[in-house]
C-alpha atoms as a PDB file:
ATOM      1  CA  MET A   1     -77.025 -54.551  49.009  1.00  0.00           C
ATOM      2  CA  LYS A   2     -75.430 -52.649  51.871  1.00  0.00           C
ATOM      3  CA  SER A   3     -74.836 -55.871  53.805  1.00  0.00           C
ATOM      4  CA  PHE A   4     -73.135 -57.428  50.772  1.00  0.00           C
ATOM      5  CA  ILE A   5     -70.755 -54.462  50.582  1.00  0.00           C
ATOM      6  CA  TYR A   6     -70.038 -54.798  54.320  1.00  0.00           C
ATOM      7  CA  TRP A   7     -69.332 -58.492  53.771  1.00  0.00           C
ATOM      8  CA  ILE A   8     -66.830 -57.706  50.998  1.00  0.00           C
ATOM      9  CA  LYS A   9     -65.112 -55.099  53.185  1.00  0.00           C
ATOM     10  CA  LYS A  10     -65.123 -57.495  56.191  1.00  0.00           C
ATOM     11  CA  ASN A  11     -66.984 -54.893  58.256  1.00  0.00           C
ATOM     12  CA  ASP A  12     -68.153 -56.036  61.715  1.00  0.00           C
ATOM     13  CA  ALA A  13     -71.491 -54.246  61.346  1.00  0.00           C
ATOM     14  CA  ILE A  14     -72.795 -56.799  58.841  1.00  0.00           C
ATOM     15  CA  ARG A  15     -74.770 -58.716  61.480  1.00  0.00           C
ATOM     16  CA  LEU A  16     -76.405 -55.522  62.670  1.00  0.00           C
ATOM     17  CA  GLU A  17     -77.395 -54.458  59.153  1.00  0.00           C
ATOM     18  CA  LEU A  18     -78.833 -57.881  58.336  1.00  0.00           C
ATOM     19  CA  ALA A  19     -80.798 -58.010  61.591  1.00  0.00           C
ATOM     20  CA  GLN A  20     -82.262 -54.559  60.973  1.00  0.00           C
ATOM     21  CA  GLY A  21     -83.304 -55.553  57.459  1.00  0.00           C
ATOM     22  CA  ILE A  22     -84.951 -58.741  58.690  1.00  0.00           C
ATOM     23  CA  ALA A  23     -86.754 -56.848  61.454  1.00  0.00           C
ATOM     24  CA  LEU A  24     -88.111 -54.321  58.963  1.00  0.00           C
ATOM     25  CA  ALA A  25     -89.312 -57.082  56.638  1.00  0.00           C
ATOM     26  CA  LEU A  26     -91.055 -58.870  59.509  1.00  0.00           C
ATOM     27  CA  GLU A  27     -92.806 -55.661  60.533  1.00  0.00           C
ATOM     28  CA  PHE A  28     -94.162 -55.239  57.001  1.00  0.00           C
ATOM     29  CA  LYS A  29     -95.322 -58.867  56.952  1.00  0.00           C
ATOM     30  CA  LEU A  30     -96.988 -58.381  60.340  1.00  0.00           C
ATOM     31  CA  GLY A  31     -98.809 -55.323  59.010  1.00  0.00           C
ATOM     32  CA  GLY A  32     -99.986 -57.349  56.033  1.00  0.00           C
ATOM     33  CA  GLU A  33    -101.341 -60.063  58.312  1.00  0.00           C
ATOM     34  CA  VAL A  34    -103.230 -57.493  60.358  1.00  0.00           C
ATOM     35  CA  LEU A  35    -104.775 -56.090  57.174  1.00  0.00           C
ATOM     36  CA  ARG A  36    -105.700 -59.615  56.123  1.00  0.00           C
ATOM     37  CA  THR A  37    -108.041 -59.890  59.121  1.00  0.00           C
ATOM     38  CA  VAL A  38    -110.516 -57.835  57.094  1.00  0.00           C
ATOM     39  CA  VAL A  39    -111.168 -60.761  54.726  1.00  0.00           C
ATOM     40  CA  VAL A  40    -111.280 -63.577  57.330  1.00  0.00           C
ATOM     41  CA  ARG A  41    -114.556 -65.459  57.049  1.00  0.00           C
ATOM     42  CA  GLU A  42    -114.290 -68.315  59.575  1.00  0.00           C
ATOM     43  CA  TRP A  43    -113.153 -68.724  63.178  1.00  0.00           C
ATOM     44  CA  ALA A  44    -110.564 -71.333  62.164  1.00  0.00           C
ATOM     45  CA  GLU A  45    -108.942 -68.842  59.791  1.00  0.00           C
ATOM     46  CA  LEU A  46    -108.944 -66.244  62.533  1.00  0.00           C
ATOM     47  CA  GLY A  47    -107.201 -68.668  64.916  1.00  0.00           C
ATOM     48  CA  ILE A  48    -104.512 -69.482  62.371  1.00  0.00           C
ATOM     49  CA  LEU A  49    -104.060 -65.801  61.603  1.00  0.00           C
ATOM     50  CA  GLY A  50    -103.747 -65.031  65.316  1.00  0.00           C
ATOM     51  CA  ALA A  51    -101.063 -67.697  65.700  1.00  0.00           C
ATOM     52  CA  ILE A  52     -99.134 -66.303  62.719  1.00  0.00           C
ATOM     53  CA  ILE A  53     -99.329 -62.784  64.115  1.00  0.00           C
ATOM     54  CA  THR A  54     -98.145 -63.985  67.533  1.00  0.00           C
ATOM     55  CA  LEU A  55     -95.172 -65.866  66.070  1.00  0.00           C
ATOM     56  CA  ARG A  56     -94.114 -62.967  63.870  1.00  0.00           C
ATOM     57  CA  ALA A  57     -94.410 -60.533  66.771  1.00  0.00           C
ATOM     58  CA  ALA A  58     -92.227 -62.817  68.906  1.00  0.00           C
ATOM     59  CA  LEU A  59     -89.630 -63.064  66.126  1.00  0.00           C
ATOM     60  CA  THR A  60     -89.610 -59.295  65.726  1.00  0.00           C
ATOM     61  CA  PHE A  61     -89.118 -58.854  69.481  1.00  0.00           C
ATOM     62  CA  LEU A  62     -86.212 -61.326  69.521  1.00  0.00           C
ATOM     63  CA  ILE A  63     -84.548 -59.683  66.534  1.00  0.00           C
ATOM     64  CA  HIS A  64     -84.823 -56.234  68.114  1.00  0.00           C
ATOM     65  CA  TRP A  65     -83.309 -57.663  71.311  1.00  0.00           C
ATOM     66  CA  GLU A  66     -80.434 -59.107  69.274  1.00  0.00           C
ATOM     67  CA  ILE A  67     -79.944 -55.760  67.510  1.00  0.00           C
ATOM     68  CA  LYS A  68     -79.596 -53.966  70.856  1.00  0.00           C
ATOM     69  CA  ASN A  69     -77.049 -56.525  72.056  1.00  0.00           C
ATOM     70  CA  GLU A  70     -75.078 -56.272  68.807  1.00  0.00           C
ATOM     71  CA  GLU A  71     -75.035 -52.455  69.017  1.00  0.00           C
ATOM     72  CA  LYS A  72     -73.680 -52.677  72.567  1.00  0.00           C
ATOM     73  CA  ALA A  73     -70.991 -55.124  71.429  1.00  0.00           C
ATOM     74  CA  LEU A  74     -69.928 -52.857  68.557  1.00  0.00           C
ATOM     75  CA  GLU A  75     -69.627 -49.854  70.919  1.00  0.00           C
ATOM     76  CA  LYS A  76     -67.008 -51.625  73.044  1.00  0.00           C
END
């Protein structure tokens, strides 16, 4: 909702707000995947789950890196 308001006002911080929201959502999804390891019954499922966790962790890292760069750009 906040990002929509920034978009209407043509605020430059919209990218930063969207990135922070996406990063938070990915962290919740990553936590859910970790909790799902409790019900894994086969090694194949564990491998797939490990790959999903790795990809989501990489995406979270890249989004946090982008957030830092965007914050630096907004400070200038």
